[in-house]
Amino acid sequence: GWIVIQQRIDNTLSFNQNWNTYKSGFGNYCLNFWLGLEKMHQLTSLADYRLRFEVLTKGVWVSDEYDHFVVRSEFEKYSLNVSGYCGYNNDVLNNSKNPKVCHNGMKFSTPDQDNDQSSDDCAYRFTSGFWFNSCYHFNVNGMSGS
């Protein structure tokens, strides 16, 4: 089975949240939902997990999977590490065409805690928390879930 760590049905819940809210989690598990960075860290430090993205884009479901998924500790700013890609969505976390938007290995950023590689403060600019680099190729927490 799968553990749902994020679900975005529509834009009725804002994902423009602060560090502590992303750390703890928010939303309704049956609707729009974020599990919480601390829970993700605790789960992925206890066992080896796979990560699967399922995204509905222009009426078509696409997915990406990573055989290994780890969220590091808060001390490491909940950095993301994935490996073992397979899927149909162009390896969205490891964009090889533009390393500046690669999410793998990045620290988590929120509008009130800028940990990205850009001078632009991506989380504040795009009103969401995510593993931004400079800034993003894939931002499921942005206003349109892009």
N, C-alpha and C. Protein backbone atom coordinates (compact mmCIF):
# COMPACT_ATOMS: atom_id res chain seq x y z
N GLY A 1 0.80 -1.18 0.00
CA GLY A 1 0.00 0.00 0.00
C GLY A 1 0.85 1.26 0.00
N TRP A 2 0.19 2.37 -0.17
CA TRP A 2 0.84 3.68 -0.25
C TRP A 2 0.42 4.54 0.93
N ILE A 3 1.30 5.41 1.36
CA ILE A 3 0.99 6.43 2.34
C ILE A 3 0.89 7.74 1.57
N VAL A 4 -0.25 8.41 1.67
CA VAL A 4 -0.43 9.67 0.97
C VAL A 4 0.27 10.77 1.77
N ILE A 5 1.22 11.45 1.12
CA ILE A 5 1.93 12.53 1.82
C ILE A 5 1.44 13.90 1.37
N GLN A 6 0.78 13.95 0.21
CA GLN A 6 0.21 15.20 -0.26
C GLN A 6 -0.90 14.89 -1.25
N GLN A 7 -1.99 15.62 -1.14
CA GLN A 7 -3.09 15.48 -2.09
C GLN A 7 -3.64 16.86 -2.39
N ARG A 8 -3.82 17.11 -3.65
CA ARG A 8 -4.32 18.42 -4.09
C ARG A 8 -5.49 18.18 -5.03
N ILE A 9 -6.69 18.32 -4.53
CA ILE A 9 -7.90 18.11 -5.32
C ILE A 9 -8.27 19.38 -6.09
N ASP A 10 -8.15 20.51 -5.41
CA ASP A 10 -8.51 21.80 -6.01
C ASP A 10 -7.75 22.90 -5.24
N ASN A 11 -8.09 24.13 -5.49
CA ASN A 11 -7.40 25.26 -4.84
C ASN A 11 -8.18 25.84 -3.66
N THR A 12 -9.06 25.03 -3.03
CA THR A 12 -9.84 25.56 -1.91
C THR A 12 -9.02 25.68 -0.63
N LEU A 13 -7.88 25.00 -0.54
CA LEU A 13 -6.99 25.14 0.60
C LEU A 13 -5.69 25.75 0.12
N SER A 14 -5.30 26.83 0.73
CA SER A 14 -4.05 27.48 0.36
C SER A 14 -2.85 26.67 0.85
N PHE A 15 -1.89 26.46 -0.02
CA PHE A 15 -0.63 25.83 0.36
C PHE A 15 0.44 26.90 0.60
N ASN A 16 0.00 28.15 0.71
CA ASN A 16 0.87 29.26 1.08
C ASN A 16 0.94 29.28 2.61
N GLN A 17 1.73 28.37 3.17
CA GLN A 17 1.81 28.17 4.61
C GLN A 17 3.22 28.44 5.11
N ASN A 18 3.36 28.64 6.41
CA ASN A 18 4.68 28.91 6.99
C ASN A 18 5.42 27.60 7.32
N TRP A 19 6.66 27.76 7.76
CA TRP A 19 7.54 26.62 8.06
C TRP A 19 6.90 25.66 9.07
N ASN A 20 6.40 26.19 10.17
CA ASN A 20 5.85 25.33 11.22
C ASN A 20 4.62 24.56 10.75
N THR A 21 3.82 25.16 9.89
CA THR A 21 2.64 24.47 9.37
C THR A 21 3.05 23.35 8.41
N TYR A 22 4.02 23.61 7.54
CA TYR A 22 4.53 22.53 6.67
C TYR A 22 5.22 21.45 7.50
N LYS A 23 5.87 21.82 8.56
CA LYS A 23 6.53 20.85 9.43
C LYS A 23 5.50 19.92 10.07
N SER A 24 4.40 20.48 10.58
CA SER A 24 3.39 19.72 11.30
C SER A 24 2.38 19.02 10.40
N GLY A 25 2.10 19.61 9.24
CA GLY A 25 1.07 19.08 8.35
C GLY A 25 -0.20 19.89 8.45
N PHE A 26 -1.03 19.80 7.43
CA PHE A 26 -2.28 20.58 7.41
C PHE A 26 -3.26 19.99 6.42
N GLY A 27 -4.49 20.45 6.53
CA GLY A 27 -5.55 20.05 5.60
C GLY A 27 -6.34 18.86 6.08
N ASN A 28 -7.18 18.35 5.20
CA ASN A 28 -8.07 17.22 5.46
C ASN A 28 -7.63 16.06 4.58
N TYR A 29 -7.32 14.92 5.19
CA TYR A 29 -6.81 13.76 4.47
C TYR A 29 -7.68 13.36 3.27
N CYS A 30 -8.97 13.59 3.35
CA CYS A 30 -9.87 13.21 2.25
C CYS A 30 -9.96 14.26 1.15
N LEU A 31 -9.40 15.44 1.40
CA LEU A 31 -9.48 16.53 0.42
C LEU A 31 -8.07 17.02 0.08
N ASN A 32 -7.77 18.24 0.41
CA ASN A 32 -6.44 18.83 0.19
C ASN A 32 -5.63 18.62 1.47
N PHE A 33 -4.38 18.17 1.31
CA PHE A 33 -3.69 17.63 2.46
C PHE A 33 -2.18 17.64 2.28
N TRP A 34 -1.45 17.92 3.37
CA TRP A 34 0.01 17.80 3.43
C TRP A 34 0.32 17.06 4.72
N LEU A 35 1.00 15.91 4.64
CA LEU A 35 1.27 15.06 5.80
C LEU A 35 2.10 15.77 6.87
N GLY A 36 3.11 16.48 6.46
CA GLY A 36 4.00 17.16 7.41
C GLY A 36 5.42 16.68 7.21
N LEU A 37 6.35 17.63 7.17
CA LEU A 37 7.76 17.31 6.92
C LEU A 37 8.36 16.44 8.02
N GLU A 38 8.00 16.70 9.26
CA GLU A 38 8.56 15.89 10.35
C GLU A 38 8.10 14.44 10.25
N LYS A 39 6.84 14.23 9.93
CA LYS A 39 6.34 12.85 9.77
C LYS A 39 7.01 12.18 8.57
N MET A 40 7.21 12.93 7.48
CA MET A 40 7.91 12.37 6.32
C MET A 40 9.32 11.96 6.70
N HIS A 41 10.00 12.82 7.45
CA HIS A 41 11.36 12.51 7.89
C HIS A 41 11.37 11.26 8.76
N GLN A 42 10.48 11.20 9.73
CA GLN A 42 10.46 10.04 10.63
C GLN A 42 10.17 8.75 9.87
N LEU A 43 9.21 8.78 8.97
CA LEU A 43 8.89 7.58 8.18
C LEU A 43 10.07 7.13 7.33
N THR A 44 10.67 8.08 6.61
CA THR A 44 11.73 7.70 5.67
C THR A 44 13.06 7.40 6.36
N SER A 45 13.19 7.73 7.66
CA SER A 45 14.42 7.32 8.36
C SER A 45 14.28 5.94 8.98
N LEU A 46 13.06 5.44 9.07
CA LEU A 46 12.83 4.13 9.67
C LEU A 46 12.85 2.99 8.65
N ALA A 47 12.54 3.28 7.40
CA ALA A 47 12.45 2.23 6.38
C ALA A 47 12.70 2.85 5.01
N ASP A 48 12.91 1.98 4.03
CA ASP A 48 13.11 2.43 2.65
C ASP A 48 11.74 2.59 1.99
N TYR A 49 11.45 3.78 1.49
CA TYR A 49 10.17 4.07 0.86
C TYR A 49 10.35 4.45 -0.59
N ARG A 50 9.30 4.18 -1.37
CA ARG A 50 9.23 4.64 -2.75
C ARG A 50 8.34 5.88 -2.77
N LEU A 51 8.57 6.74 -3.75
CA LEU A 51 7.77 7.95 -3.92
C LEU A 51 7.08 7.88 -5.27
N ARG A 52 5.79 8.17 -5.29
CA ARG A 52 5.04 8.18 -6.55
C ARG A 52 4.26 9.48 -6.65
N PHE A 53 4.42 10.17 -7.78
CA PHE A 53 3.62 11.34 -8.12
C PHE A 53 2.57 10.90 -9.12
N GLU A 54 1.34 11.28 -8.89
CA GLU A 54 0.28 11.11 -9.88
C GLU A 54 -0.33 12.48 -10.10
N VAL A 55 -0.27 12.97 -11.33
CA VAL A 55 -0.74 14.31 -11.63
C VAL A 55 -1.67 14.25 -12.85
N LEU A 56 -2.82 14.90 -12.73
CA LEU A 56 -3.75 15.03 -13.84
C LEU A 56 -3.42 16.31 -14.58
N THR A 57 -2.94 16.18 -15.81
CA THR A 57 -2.55 17.32 -16.61
C THR A 57 -3.32 17.30 -17.93
N LYS A 58 -4.12 18.33 -18.14
CA LYS A 58 -4.91 18.45 -19.37
C LYS A 58 -5.72 17.19 -19.64
N GLY A 59 -6.33 16.63 -18.58
CA GLY A 59 -7.18 15.47 -18.70
C GLY A 59 -6.46 14.13 -18.81
N VAL A 60 -5.14 14.12 -18.66
CA VAL A 60 -4.36 12.89 -18.78
C VAL A 60 -3.58 12.67 -17.48
N TRP A 61 -3.65 11.46 -16.92
CA TRP A 61 -2.87 11.13 -15.73
C TRP A 61 -1.46 10.75 -16.14
N VAL A 62 -0.49 11.39 -15.49
CA VAL A 62 0.92 11.04 -15.68
C VAL A 62 1.49 10.71 -14.31
N SER A 63 2.53 9.89 -14.31
CA SER A 63 3.12 9.53 -13.02
C SER A 63 4.63 9.40 -13.12
N ASP A 64 5.26 9.61 -12.00
CA ASP A 64 6.69 9.42 -11.82
C ASP A 64 6.87 8.61 -10.55
N GLU A 65 7.84 7.70 -10.55
CA GLU A 65 8.16 6.94 -9.35
C GLU A 65 9.65 6.95 -9.12
N TYR A 66 10.00 6.94 -7.85
CA TYR A 66 11.40 6.85 -7.43
C TYR A 66 11.49 5.69 -6.45
N ASP A 67 12.45 4.79 -6.68
CA ASP A 67 12.59 3.61 -5.83
C ASP A 67 13.02 3.96 -4.41
N HIS A 68 13.71 5.05 -4.24
CA HIS A 68 14.20 5.46 -2.92
C HIS A 68 13.83 6.92 -2.66
N PHE A 69 13.29 7.17 -1.48
CA PHE A 69 12.77 8.49 -1.11
C PHE A 69 13.13 8.76 0.34
N VAL A 70 13.85 9.86 0.58
CA VAL A 70 14.25 10.22 1.94
C VAL A 70 14.03 11.72 2.13
N VAL A 71 13.45 12.07 3.26
CA VAL A 71 13.37 13.46 3.71
C VAL A 71 14.27 13.54 4.94
N ARG A 72 15.29 14.36 4.88
CA ARG A 72 16.27 14.50 5.97
C ARG A 72 15.65 15.27 7.15
N SER A 73 16.39 15.46 8.19
CA SER A 73 15.91 16.07 9.43
C SER A 73 15.69 17.58 9.29
N GLU A 74 15.04 18.17 10.29
CA GLU A 74 14.86 19.62 10.30
C GLU A 74 16.21 20.33 10.34
N PHE A 75 17.18 19.76 11.05
CA PHE A 75 18.53 20.32 11.09
C PHE A 75 19.09 20.47 9.67
N GLU A 76 18.72 19.54 8.78
CA GLU A 76 19.15 19.57 7.37
C GLU A 76 18.09 20.22 6.48
N LYS A 77 17.18 20.96 7.11
CA LYS A 77 16.11 21.71 6.43
C LYS A 77 15.21 20.79 5.59
N TYR A 78 15.00 19.58 6.10
CA TYR A 78 14.12 18.59 5.45
C TYR A 78 14.48 18.40 3.97
N SER A 79 15.76 18.34 3.67
CA SER A 79 16.18 18.17 2.28
C SER A 79 15.65 16.86 1.70
N LEU A 80 15.43 16.86 0.41
CA LEU A 80 14.82 15.75 -0.32
C LEU A 80 15.90 14.98 -1.08
N ASN A 81 15.84 13.66 -0.98
CA ASN A 81 16.74 12.81 -1.76
C ASN A 81 15.92 11.68 -2.37
N VAL A 82 15.98 11.58 -3.70
CA VAL A 82 15.30 10.51 -4.42
C VAL A 82 16.28 9.86 -5.39
N SER A 83 16.04 8.59 -5.71
CA SER A 83 16.84 7.90 -6.72
C SER A 83 16.03 6.73 -7.26
N GLY A 84 16.49 6.17 -8.37
CA GLY A 84 15.80 5.04 -8.98
C GLY A 84 14.54 5.44 -9.70
N TYR A 85 14.64 6.38 -10.64
CA TYR A 85 13.48 6.91 -11.35
C TYR A 85 12.90 5.93 -12.36
N CYS A 86 11.57 5.91 -12.46
CA CYS A 86 10.86 5.33 -13.60
C CYS A 86 9.53 6.07 -13.71
N GLY A 87 9.08 6.29 -14.93
CA GLY A 87 7.81 6.99 -15.10
C GLY A 87 7.62 7.59 -16.46
N TYR A 88 6.62 8.47 -16.55
CA TYR A 88 6.19 9.05 -17.81
C TYR A 88 6.18 10.57 -17.81
N ASN A 89 6.71 11.18 -16.74
CA ASN A 89 6.60 12.63 -16.60
C ASN A 89 7.96 13.31 -16.63
N ASN A 90 8.91 12.73 -17.30
CA ASN A 90 10.23 13.35 -17.54
C ASN A 90 11.07 13.55 -16.29
N ASP A 91 10.96 12.67 -15.30
CA ASP A 91 11.79 12.73 -14.10
C ASP A 91 11.78 14.15 -13.52
N VAL A 92 10.62 14.57 -13.07
CA VAL A 92 10.42 15.96 -12.66
C VAL A 92 11.29 16.44 -11.51
N LEU A 93 11.79 15.54 -10.68
CA LEU A 93 12.62 15.97 -9.56
C LEU A 93 14.10 16.07 -9.91
N ASN A 94 14.48 15.51 -11.06
CA ASN A 94 15.88 15.52 -11.49
C ASN A 94 16.02 16.12 -12.89
N ASN A 95 15.38 17.22 -13.15
CA ASN A 95 15.37 17.80 -14.49
C ASN A 95 16.79 17.94 -15.04
N SER A 96 17.17 17.04 -15.92
CA SER A 96 18.54 17.04 -16.46
C SER A 96 18.75 18.11 -17.53
N LYS A 97 17.67 18.64 -18.08
CA LYS A 97 17.80 19.68 -19.11
C LYS A 97 18.24 21.01 -18.50
N ASN A 98 17.86 21.22 -17.23
CA ASN A 98 18.22 22.47 -16.56
C ASN A 98 18.50 22.17 -15.08
N PRO A 99 19.76 21.93 -14.73
CA PRO A 99 20.10 21.59 -13.34
C PRO A 99 19.67 22.65 -12.31
N LYS A 100 19.44 23.88 -12.74
CA LYS A 100 19.02 24.93 -11.81
C LYS A 100 17.61 24.72 -11.27
N VAL A 101 16.83 23.87 -11.92
CA VAL A 101 15.49 23.58 -11.43
C VAL A 101 15.36 22.15 -10.93
N CYS A 102 16.46 21.48 -10.70
CA CYS A 102 16.47 20.13 -10.13
C CYS A 102 16.06 20.23 -8.66
N HIS A 103 15.07 19.45 -8.25
CA HIS A 103 14.59 19.49 -6.86
C HIS A 103 15.32 18.50 -5.96
N ASN A 104 15.85 17.44 -6.54
CA ASN A 104 16.54 16.42 -5.76
C ASN A 104 17.74 17.02 -5.03
N GLY A 105 17.84 16.75 -3.74
CA GLY A 105 18.93 17.26 -2.92
C GLY A 105 18.67 18.63 -2.32
N MET A 106 17.57 19.26 -2.69
CA MET A 106 17.28 20.62 -2.21
C MET A 106 16.68 20.60 -0.81
N LYS A 107 16.90 21.69 -0.10
CA LYS A 107 16.29 21.93 1.20
C LYS A 107 14.87 22.45 0.97
N PHE A 108 14.00 22.23 1.94
CA PHE A 108 12.63 22.71 1.83
C PHE A 108 12.59 24.20 2.15
N SER A 109 11.82 24.94 1.39
CA SER A 109 11.64 26.38 1.61
C SER A 109 10.17 26.70 1.78
N THR A 110 9.89 27.68 2.60
CA THR A 110 8.54 28.22 2.77
C THR A 110 8.64 29.74 2.66
N PRO A 111 7.51 30.43 2.50
CA PRO A 111 7.59 31.89 2.38
C PRO A 111 8.31 32.58 3.53
N ASP A 112 8.30 31.97 4.71
CA ASP A 112 9.00 32.58 5.85
C ASP A 112 10.36 31.96 6.13
N GLN A 113 10.80 31.00 5.33
CA GLN A 113 12.12 30.41 5.50
C GLN A 113 12.71 30.05 4.14
N ASP A 114 13.56 30.92 3.65
CA ASP A 114 14.15 30.80 2.31
C ASP A 114 15.41 29.93 2.36
N ASN A 115 15.31 28.71 1.83
CA ASN A 115 16.45 27.79 1.79
C ASN A 115 16.82 27.38 0.37
N ASP A 116 16.29 28.09 -0.63
CA ASP A 116 16.56 27.71 -2.01
C ASP A 116 17.90 28.27 -2.49
N GLN A 117 18.24 27.98 -3.74
CA GLN A 117 19.51 28.39 -4.33
C GLN A 117 19.40 29.69 -5.11
N SER A 118 18.23 30.30 -5.10
CA SER A 118 17.97 31.50 -5.89
C SER A 118 18.05 32.75 -5.02
N SER A 119 18.42 33.86 -5.62
CA SER A 119 18.38 35.13 -4.91
C SER A 119 16.95 35.68 -4.91
N ASP A 120 16.04 34.97 -5.57
CA ASP A 120 14.67 35.42 -5.78
C ASP A 120 13.69 35.01 -4.68
N ASP A 121 14.06 34.17 -3.71
CA ASP A 121 13.16 33.67 -2.67
C ASP A 121 11.92 33.03 -3.31
N CYS A 122 12.13 31.85 -3.87
CA CYS A 122 11.11 31.14 -4.67
C CYS A 122 9.81 30.88 -3.91
N ALA A 123 9.90 30.44 -2.65
CA ALA A 123 8.69 30.11 -1.89
C ALA A 123 7.81 31.34 -1.70
N TYR A 124 8.43 32.48 -1.41
CA TYR A 124 7.67 33.71 -1.26
C TYR A 124 7.08 34.14 -2.60
N ARG A 125 7.88 34.09 -3.63
CA ARG A 125 7.43 34.52 -4.96
C ARG A 125 6.30 33.66 -5.50
N PHE A 126 6.39 32.33 -5.27
CA PHE A 126 5.39 31.42 -5.82
C PHE A 126 4.38 30.94 -4.77
N THR A 127 4.35 31.61 -3.63
CA THR A 127 3.36 31.43 -2.56
C THR A 127 3.11 29.96 -2.20
N SER A 128 4.20 29.25 -1.91
CA SER A 128 4.06 27.86 -1.48
C SER A 128 5.37 27.36 -0.91
N GLY A 129 5.28 26.25 -0.20
CA GLY A 129 6.47 25.57 0.25
C GLY A 129 6.82 24.45 -0.70
N PHE A 130 8.12 24.22 -0.89
CA PHE A 130 8.55 23.12 -1.76
C PHE A 130 10.08 22.99 -1.69
N TRP A 131 10.60 21.98 -2.33
CA TRP A 131 12.04 21.76 -2.43
C TRP A 131 12.56 22.55 -3.63
N PHE A 132 12.52 23.86 -3.51
CA PHE A 132 12.93 24.74 -4.60
C PHE A 132 14.44 24.73 -4.77
N ASN A 133 14.85 24.92 -6.01
CA ASN A 133 16.26 25.11 -6.33
C ASN A 133 16.39 26.56 -6.76
N SER A 134 16.16 26.80 -8.07
CA SER A 134 16.30 28.17 -8.59
C SER A 134 15.35 28.39 -9.77
N CYS A 135 14.12 28.40 -9.75
CA CYS A 135 13.19 28.14 -8.68
C CYS A 135 12.58 26.74 -8.84
N TYR A 136 11.83 26.47 -9.92
CA TYR A 136 11.23 25.14 -10.00
C TYR A 136 10.95 24.70 -11.43
N HIS A 137 10.89 23.39 -11.55
CA HIS A 137 10.40 22.73 -12.75
C HIS A 137 9.00 22.19 -12.47
N PHE A 138 8.77 21.86 -11.22
CA PHE A 138 7.56 21.19 -10.79
C PHE A 138 7.19 21.74 -9.42
N ASN A 139 5.99 22.30 -9.26
CA ASN A 139 5.59 22.88 -7.99
C ASN A 139 4.13 22.53 -7.71
N VAL A 140 3.91 21.35 -7.16
CA VAL A 140 2.55 20.89 -6.90
C VAL A 140 1.86 21.70 -5.80
N ASN A 141 2.61 22.48 -5.04
CA ASN A 141 2.02 23.25 -3.97
C ASN A 141 1.72 24.69 -4.37
N GLY A 142 2.06 25.07 -5.59
CA GLY A 142 1.79 26.42 -6.08
C GLY A 142 0.32 26.66 -6.32
N MET A 143 -0.05 27.87 -6.63
CA MET A 143 -1.46 28.26 -6.79
C MET A 143 -2.24 27.36 -7.74
N SER A 144 -1.63 26.96 -8.85
CA SER A 144 -2.35 26.13 -9.81
C SER A 144 -1.88 24.69 -9.75
N GLY A 145 -1.01 24.35 -8.79
CA GLY A 145 -0.49 23.00 -8.71
C GLY A 145 0.39 22.67 -9.89
N SER A 146 1.16 23.66 -10.40
CA SER A 146 1.94 23.49 -11.63
C SER A 146 3.19 22.68 -11.43
